[in-house]
Amino acid sequence: MFNDEQLASLIHEEPIQTGLPFDPRDDKSIRRFYEPLVRKIEMDGGLSSRVEWNHYGSGYASFIDAWFYPADGRSRVSFRNEHYVGLFVLLSRLSRYFVIGQGEKTWSRDGGSSYMPSFDSIDTVDHPALAGHVIPVASILTDAGMVRMKRDDLSQLLPERFGIPGILSSPPFRHFDALFHWED
């Protein structure tokens, strides 16, 4: 998918495309671009969201982790805590690419837990309350100039000379790991 120069750029937190609708070195610019898209996804789909704009609070994330769940509670797993299955959309900070998958989150006043994005969860959306949202969400993003990547697009193994600074996965690394990584 990506050539060696692009892989090196991604790993070194540098953009791989020109003419992006945001400045990839400015978190405020990135948020100004993506936030209206997140709101449109919520409004059009009857969804609520939890979005990690701030690199999980430390280090560097090469993506925004936007997580959506039906506002009507159809994907709620537990009533003891706020525990939901949701649709995640990883939005690249360095390109026009995004991926979609499914993950779970739990939260309460005392804290919470969350899935961590992984290659294996891309394109896996099987919860009945979520499956119908994949195409509309992808359409909103593609209409804004973004490009959806699928598991097959990002499955190629990285050459061994490339290491990933993140903690989301272990070797062998894939093109997914270069595009979507988090360095804590």
N, C-alpha and C. Protein backbone atom coordinates (compact mmCIF):
# COMPACT_ATOMS: atom_id res chain seq x y z
N MET A 1 0.82 -1.19 0.00
CA MET A 1 0.00 0.00 0.00
C MET A 1 0.87 1.26 0.00
N PHE A 2 1.71 1.39 1.03
CA PHE A 2 2.56 2.57 1.12
C PHE A 2 3.97 2.22 0.66
N ASN A 3 4.66 3.20 0.08
CA ASN A 3 6.05 2.97 -0.30
C ASN A 3 6.95 3.25 0.92
N ASP A 4 8.22 2.96 0.79
CA ASP A 4 9.15 3.12 1.92
C ASP A 4 9.21 4.55 2.43
N GLU A 5 9.18 5.51 1.52
CA GLU A 5 9.24 6.92 1.92
C GLU A 5 7.99 7.30 2.75
N GLN A 6 6.85 6.84 2.32
CA GLN A 6 5.61 7.12 3.06
C GLN A 6 5.63 6.43 4.43
N LEU A 7 6.09 5.20 4.46
CA LEU A 7 6.17 4.49 5.74
C LEU A 7 7.08 5.23 6.71
N ALA A 8 8.24 5.65 6.24
CA ALA A 8 9.17 6.40 7.10
C ALA A 8 8.53 7.69 7.59
N SER A 9 7.81 8.38 6.72
CA SER A 9 7.14 9.63 7.12
C SER A 9 6.10 9.36 8.20
N LEU A 10 5.26 8.36 8.01
CA LEU A 10 4.24 8.04 9.00
C LEU A 10 4.86 7.73 10.36
N ILE A 11 5.89 6.92 10.34
CA ILE A 11 6.55 6.51 11.59
C ILE A 11 7.19 7.71 12.29
N HIS A 12 7.63 8.70 11.50
CA HIS A 12 8.25 9.91 12.07
C HIS A 12 7.25 11.05 12.24
N GLU A 13 5.95 10.71 12.23
CA GLU A 13 4.88 11.67 12.50
C GLU A 13 4.84 12.81 11.48
N GLU A 14 5.09 12.46 10.24
CA GLU A 14 5.06 13.44 9.15
C GLU A 14 3.96 13.07 8.17
N PRO A 15 3.28 14.06 7.59
CA PRO A 15 2.19 13.77 6.66
C PRO A 15 2.68 13.05 5.41
N ILE A 16 1.79 12.26 4.82
CA ILE A 16 2.14 11.54 3.60
C ILE A 16 1.36 12.06 2.40
N GLN A 17 0.54 13.08 2.62
CA GLN A 17 -0.22 13.67 1.53
C GLN A 17 -0.13 15.18 1.64
N THR A 18 -0.17 15.85 0.51
CA THR A 18 -0.21 17.30 0.51
C THR A 18 -1.64 17.75 0.31
N GLY A 19 -1.90 19.01 0.58
CA GLY A 19 -3.23 19.56 0.37
C GLY A 19 -4.28 19.03 1.32
N LEU A 20 -3.85 18.63 2.51
CA LEU A 20 -4.81 18.15 3.50
C LEU A 20 -5.72 19.30 3.94
N PRO A 21 -6.94 19.00 4.35
CA PRO A 21 -7.85 20.06 4.78
C PRO A 21 -7.57 20.56 6.20
N PHE A 22 -6.42 20.20 6.73
CA PHE A 22 -6.00 20.62 8.07
C PHE A 22 -4.48 20.62 8.11
N ASP A 23 -3.93 21.30 9.10
CA ASP A 23 -2.48 21.30 9.29
C ASP A 23 -2.13 20.12 10.19
N PRO A 24 -1.44 19.11 9.68
CA PRO A 24 -1.17 17.91 10.47
C PRO A 24 -0.28 18.13 11.69
N ARG A 25 0.32 19.31 11.79
CA ARG A 25 1.17 19.61 12.95
C ARG A 25 0.42 20.44 14.00
N ASP A 26 -0.85 20.71 13.76
CA ASP A 26 -1.62 21.58 14.65
C ASP A 26 -2.90 20.86 15.09
N ASP A 27 -2.93 20.41 16.34
CA ASP A 27 -4.09 19.68 16.85
C ASP A 27 -5.38 20.47 16.76
N LYS A 28 -5.31 21.78 16.93
CA LYS A 28 -6.52 22.61 16.83
C LYS A 28 -7.06 22.61 15.40
N SER A 29 -6.19 22.67 14.43
CA SER A 29 -6.60 22.63 13.03
C SER A 29 -7.22 21.28 12.69
N ILE A 30 -6.63 20.22 13.17
CA ILE A 30 -7.16 18.87 12.94
C ILE A 30 -8.56 18.76 13.54
N ARG A 31 -8.71 19.25 14.75
CA ARG A 31 -10.01 19.17 15.42
C ARG A 31 -11.06 20.02 14.70
N ARG A 32 -10.67 21.20 14.24
CA ARG A 32 -11.62 22.06 13.50
C ARG A 32 -12.14 21.36 12.25
N PHE A 33 -11.31 20.54 11.63
CA PHE A 33 -11.77 19.81 10.45
C PHE A 33 -12.67 18.64 10.83
N TYR A 34 -12.23 17.82 11.78
CA TYR A 34 -12.96 16.59 12.09
C TYR A 34 -14.19 16.79 12.97
N GLU A 35 -14.20 17.78 13.83
CA GLU A 35 -15.31 17.92 14.77
C GLU A 35 -16.67 18.09 14.08
N PRO A 36 -16.80 18.93 13.05
CA PRO A 36 -18.11 19.01 12.37
C PRO A 36 -18.53 17.68 11.73
N LEU A 37 -17.57 16.89 11.28
CA LEU A 37 -17.89 15.58 10.71
C LEU A 37 -18.42 14.64 11.79
N VAL A 38 -17.80 14.68 12.97
CA VAL A 38 -18.27 13.87 14.09
C VAL A 38 -19.70 14.28 14.44
N ARG A 39 -19.97 15.57 14.52
CA ARG A 39 -21.33 16.05 14.85
C ARG A 39 -22.33 15.62 13.79
N LYS A 40 -21.95 15.66 12.52
CA LYS A 40 -22.85 15.24 11.44
C LYS A 40 -23.15 13.74 11.57
N ILE A 41 -22.15 12.94 11.87
CA ILE A 41 -22.35 11.51 12.06
C ILE A 41 -23.33 11.27 13.21
N GLU A 42 -23.16 12.00 14.30
CA GLU A 42 -24.08 11.86 15.44
C GLU A 42 -25.51 12.22 15.03
N MET A 43 -25.67 13.38 14.44
CA MET A 43 -27.01 13.87 14.10
C MET A 43 -27.70 12.99 13.06
N ASP A 44 -26.99 12.67 11.99
CA ASP A 44 -27.60 11.89 10.92
C ASP A 44 -27.92 10.45 11.35
N GLY A 45 -27.11 9.91 12.26
CA GLY A 45 -27.28 8.50 12.63
C GLY A 45 -27.97 8.26 13.96
N GLY A 46 -28.34 9.33 14.68
CA GLY A 46 -28.93 9.13 16.01
C GLY A 46 -27.92 8.49 16.96
N LEU A 47 -26.68 8.93 16.86
CA LEU A 47 -25.59 8.35 17.63
C LEU A 47 -25.06 9.34 18.66
N SER A 48 -24.48 8.81 19.71
CA SER A 48 -23.69 9.58 20.65
C SER A 48 -22.23 9.22 20.40
N SER A 49 -21.31 10.02 20.92
CA SER A 49 -19.90 9.72 20.66
C SER A 49 -19.05 9.97 21.90
N ARG A 50 -17.92 9.35 21.88
CA ARG A 50 -16.82 9.62 22.80
C ARG A 50 -15.59 9.67 21.91
N VAL A 51 -14.96 10.82 21.86
CA VAL A 51 -13.86 11.03 20.92
C VAL A 51 -12.60 11.37 21.70
N GLU A 52 -11.51 10.70 21.36
CA GLU A 52 -10.22 10.97 21.99
C GLU A 52 -9.44 11.91 21.07
N TRP A 53 -9.53 13.20 21.39
CA TRP A 53 -8.86 14.22 20.60
C TRP A 53 -7.41 14.42 21.05
N ASN A 54 -7.09 14.10 22.28
CA ASN A 54 -5.83 14.52 22.92
C ASN A 54 -4.82 13.40 23.10
N HIS A 55 -4.62 12.58 22.08
CA HIS A 55 -3.55 11.57 22.10
C HIS A 55 -3.64 10.64 23.31
N TYR A 56 -4.83 10.30 23.75
CA TYR A 56 -5.04 9.46 24.93
C TYR A 56 -4.42 10.07 26.18
N GLY A 57 -4.24 11.37 26.16
CA GLY A 57 -3.75 12.09 27.34
C GLY A 57 -2.25 12.15 27.47
N SER A 58 -1.53 11.43 26.63
CA SER A 58 -0.06 11.46 26.73
C SER A 58 0.54 10.98 25.41
N GLY A 59 1.80 11.27 25.22
CA GLY A 59 2.50 10.79 24.04
C GLY A 59 1.95 11.37 22.75
N TYR A 60 1.90 10.53 21.74
CA TYR A 60 1.45 10.93 20.42
C TYR A 60 0.61 9.82 19.81
N ALA A 61 -0.58 10.14 19.35
CA ALA A 61 -1.40 9.22 18.56
C ALA A 61 -1.49 9.77 17.15
N SER A 62 -1.25 8.94 16.18
CA SER A 62 -1.27 9.37 14.78
C SER A 62 -2.70 9.48 14.24
N PHE A 63 -3.67 9.35 15.13
CA PHE A 63 -5.07 9.32 14.73
C PHE A 63 -5.96 9.90 15.82
N ILE A 64 -7.17 10.24 15.42
CA ILE A 64 -8.25 10.59 16.34
C ILE A 64 -9.08 9.33 16.46
N ASP A 65 -9.40 8.92 17.68
CA ASP A 65 -10.22 7.75 17.93
C ASP A 65 -11.65 8.24 18.19
N ALA A 66 -12.50 8.17 17.16
CA ALA A 66 -13.90 8.59 17.29
C ALA A 66 -14.74 7.32 17.45
N TRP A 67 -15.48 7.27 18.55
CA TRP A 67 -16.24 6.07 18.88
C TRP A 67 -17.71 6.45 19.03
N PHE A 68 -18.58 5.75 18.31
CA PHE A 68 -20.01 6.09 18.25
C PHE A 68 -20.85 4.93 18.74
N TYR A 69 -21.96 5.27 19.40
CA TYR A 69 -22.90 4.24 19.86
C TYR A 69 -24.32 4.80 19.77
N PRO A 70 -25.32 3.93 19.53
CA PRO A 70 -26.69 4.41 19.38
C PRO A 70 -27.17 5.14 20.64
N ALA A 71 -27.69 6.33 20.45
CA ALA A 71 -28.15 7.15 21.58
C ALA A 71 -29.32 6.51 22.31
N ASP A 72 -30.04 5.60 21.63
CA ASP A 72 -31.20 4.97 22.25
C ASP A 72 -30.86 3.77 23.13
N GLY A 73 -29.58 3.46 23.28
CA GLY A 73 -29.15 2.38 24.18
C GLY A 73 -29.20 0.98 23.59
N ARG A 74 -29.47 0.84 22.31
CA ARG A 74 -29.57 -0.50 21.70
C ARG A 74 -28.28 -1.31 21.75
N SER A 75 -27.15 -0.66 21.98
CA SER A 75 -25.89 -1.41 22.04
C SER A 75 -25.32 -1.46 23.45
N ARG A 76 -26.16 -1.14 24.42
CA ARG A 76 -25.71 -1.18 25.82
C ARG A 76 -25.54 -2.63 26.26
N VAL A 77 -24.42 -2.91 26.90
CA VAL A 77 -24.10 -4.27 27.34
C VAL A 77 -24.51 -4.48 28.79
N SER A 78 -24.29 -3.48 29.63
CA SER A 78 -24.55 -3.60 31.07
C SER A 78 -25.23 -2.34 31.58
N PHE A 79 -26.15 -2.53 32.50
CA PHE A 79 -26.82 -1.38 33.10
C PHE A 79 -26.20 -1.01 34.42
N ARG A 80 -25.23 -1.78 34.87
CA ARG A 80 -24.50 -1.45 36.11
C ARG A 80 -23.61 -0.24 35.90
N ASN A 81 -22.91 -0.22 34.79
CA ASN A 81 -22.08 0.91 34.36
C ASN A 81 -22.54 1.35 32.99
N GLU A 82 -21.97 2.40 32.50
CA GLU A 82 -22.15 2.77 31.10
C GLU A 82 -21.22 1.85 30.32
N HIS A 83 -21.75 0.79 29.77
CA HIS A 83 -20.97 -0.21 29.05
C HIS A 83 -21.66 -0.47 27.71
N TYR A 84 -20.99 -0.10 26.63
CA TYR A 84 -21.57 -0.16 25.30
C TYR A 84 -20.62 -0.82 24.30
N VAL A 85 -21.21 -1.41 23.29
CA VAL A 85 -20.49 -1.79 22.08
C VAL A 85 -20.69 -0.62 21.13
N GLY A 86 -19.63 -0.22 20.45
CA GLY A 86 -19.73 0.92 19.56
C GLY A 86 -18.94 0.75 18.29
N LEU A 87 -19.15 1.70 17.42
CA LEU A 87 -18.47 1.75 16.13
C LEU A 87 -17.29 2.71 16.28
N PHE A 88 -16.07 2.22 16.02
CA PHE A 88 -14.95 3.15 16.06
C PHE A 88 -14.56 3.57 14.65
N VAL A 89 -14.11 4.81 14.58
CA VAL A 89 -13.58 5.35 13.34
C VAL A 89 -12.24 5.98 13.70
N LEU A 90 -11.16 5.44 13.16
CA LEU A 90 -9.84 6.02 13.37
C LEU A 90 -9.58 6.98 12.22
N LEU A 91 -9.38 8.25 12.57
CA LEU A 91 -9.19 9.33 11.60
C LEU A 91 -7.73 9.75 11.62
N SER A 92 -7.04 9.58 10.54
CA SER A 92 -5.61 9.87 10.47
C SER A 92 -5.32 11.36 10.65
N ARG A 93 -4.28 11.66 11.40
CA ARG A 93 -3.78 13.03 11.53
C ARG A 93 -2.79 13.38 10.42
N LEU A 94 -2.35 12.37 9.66
CA LEU A 94 -1.27 12.55 8.70
C LEU A 94 -1.68 12.30 7.25
N SER A 95 -2.96 12.03 7.05
CA SER A 95 -3.43 11.70 5.70
C SER A 95 -4.95 11.85 5.66
N ARG A 96 -5.53 11.48 4.54
CA ARG A 96 -6.99 11.50 4.37
C ARG A 96 -7.61 10.14 4.68
N TYR A 97 -6.87 9.22 5.27
CA TYR A 97 -7.35 7.86 5.47
C TYR A 97 -8.08 7.66 6.80
N PHE A 98 -9.04 6.72 6.78
CA PHE A 98 -9.73 6.30 8.00
C PHE A 98 -10.09 4.83 7.89
N VAL A 99 -10.33 4.22 9.04
CA VAL A 99 -10.82 2.84 9.11
C VAL A 99 -12.00 2.80 10.07
N ILE A 100 -12.80 1.74 9.94
CA ILE A 100 -13.98 1.54 10.77
C ILE A 100 -13.93 0.14 11.36
N GLY A 101 -14.38 0.01 12.60
CA GLY A 101 -14.47 -1.29 13.26
C GLY A 101 -15.39 -1.20 14.46
N GLN A 102 -15.36 -2.22 15.29
CA GLN A 102 -16.23 -2.31 16.46
C GLN A 102 -15.40 -2.51 17.71
N GLY A 103 -15.80 -1.84 18.80
CA GLY A 103 -15.11 -2.00 20.08
C GLY A 103 -16.04 -1.68 21.23
N GLU A 104 -15.62 -2.01 22.44
CA GLU A 104 -16.43 -1.78 23.64
C GLU A 104 -15.78 -0.76 24.55
N LYS A 105 -16.62 0.02 25.23
CA LYS A 105 -16.17 0.97 26.24
C LYS A 105 -17.07 0.85 27.46
N THR A 106 -16.45 1.06 28.62
CA THR A 106 -17.17 1.13 29.89
C THR A 106 -16.69 2.37 30.61
N TRP A 107 -17.63 3.12 31.21
CA TRP A 107 -17.22 4.28 31.99
C TRP A 107 -18.18 4.51 33.14
N SER A 108 -17.66 5.15 34.16
CA SER A 108 -18.44 5.55 35.33
C SER A 108 -17.72 6.73 35.96
N ARG A 109 -18.24 7.20 37.07
CA ARG A 109 -17.56 8.29 37.79
C ARG A 109 -16.17 7.89 38.26
N ASP A 110 -15.96 6.60 38.45
CA ASP A 110 -14.70 6.11 39.00
C ASP A 110 -13.66 5.74 37.94
N GLY A 111 -13.99 5.90 36.68
CA GLY A 111 -13.04 5.55 35.63
C GLY A 111 -13.71 4.73 34.56
N GLY A 112 -12.93 3.90 33.87
CA GLY A 112 -13.51 3.09 32.83
C GLY A 112 -12.47 2.25 32.13
N SER A 113 -12.90 1.59 31.09
CA SER A 113 -12.01 0.78 30.28
C SER A 113 -12.45 0.90 28.83
N SER A 114 -11.57 0.52 27.95
CA SER A 114 -11.86 0.70 26.55
C SER A 114 -11.08 -0.30 25.71
N TYR A 115 -11.63 -0.64 24.55
CA TYR A 115 -10.89 -1.38 23.54
C TYR A 115 -9.68 -0.53 23.17
N MET A 116 -8.69 -1.12 22.59
CA MET A 116 -7.63 -0.37 21.94
C MET A 116 -7.65 -0.78 20.48
N PRO A 117 -7.54 0.18 19.58
CA PRO A 117 -7.62 -0.13 18.16
C PRO A 117 -6.58 -1.17 17.75
N SER A 118 -6.99 -2.06 16.87
CA SER A 118 -6.06 -3.08 16.37
C SER A 118 -6.41 -3.44 14.94
N PHE A 119 -5.45 -3.99 14.26
CA PHE A 119 -5.63 -4.42 12.88
C PHE A 119 -6.78 -5.42 12.78
N ASP A 120 -6.85 -6.36 13.72
CA ASP A 120 -7.86 -7.42 13.67
C ASP A 120 -9.29 -6.90 13.78
N SER A 121 -9.48 -5.73 14.33
CA SER A 121 -10.84 -5.22 14.52
C SER A 121 -11.34 -4.36 13.36
N ILE A 122 -10.50 -4.08 12.38
CA ILE A 122 -10.92 -3.30 11.21
C ILE A 122 -11.97 -4.08 10.44
N ASP A 123 -13.02 -3.40 10.02
CA ASP A 123 -14.09 -3.95 9.19
C ASP A 123 -14.94 -5.00 9.90
N THR A 124 -14.68 -5.25 11.17
CA THR A 124 -15.47 -6.22 11.92
C THR A 124 -16.54 -5.46 12.69
N VAL A 125 -17.73 -5.44 12.14
CA VAL A 125 -18.86 -4.79 12.78
C VAL A 125 -20.02 -5.77 12.68
N ASP A 126 -20.30 -6.47 13.77
CA ASP A 126 -21.34 -7.49 13.72
C ASP A 126 -22.50 -7.25 14.68
N HIS A 127 -22.42 -6.24 15.52
CA HIS A 127 -23.54 -5.96 16.42
C HIS A 127 -24.70 -5.42 15.59
N PRO A 128 -25.92 -5.98 15.77
CA PRO A 128 -27.05 -5.56 14.94
C PRO A 128 -27.39 -4.07 15.03
N ALA A 129 -27.11 -3.44 16.16
CA ALA A 129 -27.42 -2.01 16.30
C ALA A 129 -26.38 -1.12 15.63
N LEU A 130 -25.27 -1.71 15.19
CA LEU A 130 -24.18 -0.92 14.60
C LEU A 130 -23.99 -1.15 13.11
N ALA A 131 -24.28 -2.36 12.65
CA ALA A 131 -23.95 -2.74 11.26
C ALA A 131 -24.55 -1.77 10.24
N GLY A 132 -25.75 -1.29 10.46
CA GLY A 132 -26.39 -0.39 9.51
C GLY A 132 -25.81 1.01 9.48
N HIS A 133 -24.90 1.31 10.40
CA HIS A 133 -24.29 2.65 10.45
C HIS A 133 -23.00 2.74 9.64
N VAL A 134 -22.41 1.62 9.28
CA VAL A 134 -21.10 1.64 8.62
C VAL A 134 -21.14 2.43 7.31
N ILE A 135 -22.04 2.13 6.43
CA ILE A 135 -22.08 2.79 5.12
C ILE A 135 -22.41 4.28 5.27
N PRO A 136 -23.42 4.67 6.06
CA PRO A 136 -23.67 6.11 6.21
C PRO A 136 -22.50 6.88 6.82
N VAL A 137 -21.83 6.30 7.81
CA VAL A 137 -20.67 6.97 8.42
C VAL A 137 -19.56 7.11 7.38
N ALA A 138 -19.28 6.04 6.66
CA ALA A 138 -18.23 6.11 5.63
C ALA A 138 -18.59 7.13 4.56
N SER A 139 -19.85 7.23 4.21
CA SER A 139 -20.28 8.20 3.19
C SER A 139 -20.06 9.64 3.63
N ILE A 140 -20.37 9.94 4.87
CA ILE A 140 -20.14 11.29 5.39
C ILE A 140 -18.67 11.66 5.28
N LEU A 141 -17.81 10.73 5.64
CA LEU A 141 -16.37 10.99 5.61
C LEU A 141 -15.84 11.07 4.18
N THR A 142 -16.29 10.17 3.31
CA THR A 142 -15.80 10.23 1.93
C THR A 142 -16.32 11.47 1.21
N ASP A 143 -17.54 11.91 1.54
CA ASP A 143 -18.05 13.15 0.96
C ASP A 143 -17.20 14.35 1.37
N ALA A 144 -16.50 14.25 2.51
CA ALA A 144 -15.62 15.32 2.98
C ALA A 144 -14.20 15.16 2.45
N GLY A 145 -13.98 14.20 1.55
CA GLY A 145 -12.67 14.01 0.94
C GLY A 145 -11.79 12.98 1.61
N MET A 146 -12.33 12.25 2.57
CA MET A 146 -11.55 11.22 3.25
C MET A 146 -11.64 9.92 2.46
N VAL A 147 -10.72 8.98 2.73
CA VAL A 147 -10.66 7.72 2.00
C VAL A 147 -10.68 6.58 3.01
N ARG A 148 -11.67 5.70 2.86
CA ARG A 148 -11.76 4.55 3.77
C ARG A 148 -10.77 3.48 3.34
N MET A 149 -9.99 3.02 4.30
CA MET A 149 -9.08 1.91 4.09
C MET A 149 -9.72 0.66 4.69
N LYS A 150 -9.52 -0.45 4.02
CA LYS A 150 -10.04 -1.73 4.49
C LYS A 150 -8.87 -2.57 5.00
N ARG A 151 -9.22 -3.64 5.68
CA ARG A 151 -8.20 -4.54 6.24
C ARG A 151 -7.22 -4.99 5.17
N ASP A 152 -7.72 -5.38 4.00
CA ASP A 152 -6.83 -5.83 2.93
C ASP A 152 -5.86 -4.74 2.49
N ASP A 153 -6.29 -3.48 2.52
CA ASP A 153 -5.43 -2.37 2.13
C ASP A 153 -4.22 -2.22 3.05
N LEU A 154 -4.39 -2.56 4.32
CA LEU A 154 -3.37 -2.30 5.34
C LEU A 154 -2.73 -3.56 5.89
N SER A 155 -2.93 -4.68 5.23
CA SER A 155 -2.46 -5.97 5.76
C SER A 155 -1.00 -6.28 5.46
N GLN A 156 -0.41 -5.60 4.50
CA GLN A 156 0.96 -5.90 4.11
C GLN A 156 1.91 -5.71 5.28
N LEU A 157 2.82 -6.66 5.46
CA LEU A 157 3.80 -6.56 6.54
C LEU A 157 4.83 -5.48 6.21
N LEU A 158 5.27 -4.78 7.25
CA LEU A 158 6.34 -3.79 7.07
C LEU A 158 7.67 -4.50 6.90
N PRO A 159 8.55 -3.93 6.10
CA PRO A 159 9.91 -4.47 6.06
C PRO A 159 10.50 -4.42 7.47
N GLU A 160 11.32 -5.39 7.81
CA GLU A 160 11.86 -5.50 9.17
C GLU A 160 12.64 -4.27 9.61
N ARG A 161 13.18 -3.51 8.68
CA ARG A 161 13.96 -2.33 9.05
C ARG A 161 13.09 -1.23 9.67
N PHE A 162 11.77 -1.33 9.52
CA PHE A 162 10.87 -0.34 10.10
C PHE A 162 10.34 -0.84 11.44
N GLY A 163 10.60 -0.06 12.46
CA GLY A 163 10.01 -0.34 13.77
C GLY A 163 8.91 0.67 14.02
N ILE A 164 7.96 0.30 14.83
CA ILE A 164 6.86 1.19 15.16
C ILE A 164 7.06 1.67 16.59
N PRO A 165 7.00 2.97 16.82
CA PRO A 165 7.23 3.49 18.17
C PRO A 165 6.06 3.27 19.11
N GLY A 166 4.95 2.79 18.61
CA GLY A 166 3.74 2.69 19.42
C GLY A 166 3.65 1.45 20.28
N ILE A 167 2.56 1.42 21.05
CA ILE A 167 2.33 0.31 21.97
C ILE A 167 1.03 -0.43 21.67
N LEU A 168 0.40 -0.16 20.54
CA LEU A 168 -0.86 -0.82 20.22
C LEU A 168 -0.69 -2.24 19.71
N SER A 169 0.46 -2.57 19.16
CA SER A 169 0.66 -3.91 18.62
C SER A 169 2.11 -4.33 18.76
N SER A 170 2.33 -5.59 18.46
CA SER A 170 3.67 -6.17 18.53
C SER A 170 4.05 -6.66 17.14
N PRO A 171 5.35 -6.85 16.92
CA PRO A 171 5.79 -7.37 15.62
C PRO A 171 5.16 -8.74 15.34
N PRO A 172 4.98 -9.10 14.11
CA PRO A 172 5.34 -8.34 12.92
C PRO A 172 4.34 -7.21 12.68
N PHE A 173 4.86 -6.05 12.30
CA PHE A 173 4.03 -4.88 12.07
C PHE A 173 3.50 -4.86 10.65
N ARG A 174 2.36 -4.21 10.49
CA ARG A 174 1.70 -4.09 9.19
C ARG A 174 1.62 -2.61 8.80
N HIS A 175 1.21 -2.37 7.61
CA HIS A 175 1.02 -0.99 7.17
C HIS A 175 0.01 -0.28 8.07
N PHE A 176 -0.96 -1.01 8.60
CA PHE A 176 -1.90 -0.46 9.57
C PHE A 176 -1.16 0.21 10.73
N ASP A 177 -0.13 -0.46 11.25
CA ASP A 177 0.61 0.04 12.41
C ASP A 177 1.39 1.31 12.11
N ALA A 178 1.82 1.48 10.88
CA ALA A 178 2.51 2.72 10.51
C ALA A 178 1.50 3.88 10.45
N LEU A 179 0.33 3.62 9.92
CA LEU A 179 -0.69 4.66 9.77
C LEU A 179 -1.37 4.99 11.09
N PHE A 180 -1.65 3.98 11.91
CA PHE A 180 -2.38 4.17 13.16
C PHE A 180 -1.57 3.63 14.32
N HIS A 181 -0.79 4.50 14.95
CA HIS A 181 0.00 4.07 16.11
C HIS A 181 -0.09 5.10 17.22
N TRP A 182 0.18 4.65 18.41
CA TRP A 182 0.16 5.50 19.59
C TRP A 182 1.44 5.26 20.37
N GLU A 183 2.16 6.33 20.57
CA GLU A 183 3.41 6.27 21.34
C GLU A 183 3.14 6.94 22.69
N ASP A 184 3.12 6.15 23.74
CA ASP A 184 2.82 6.67 25.09
C ASP A 184 4.07 7.23 25.75
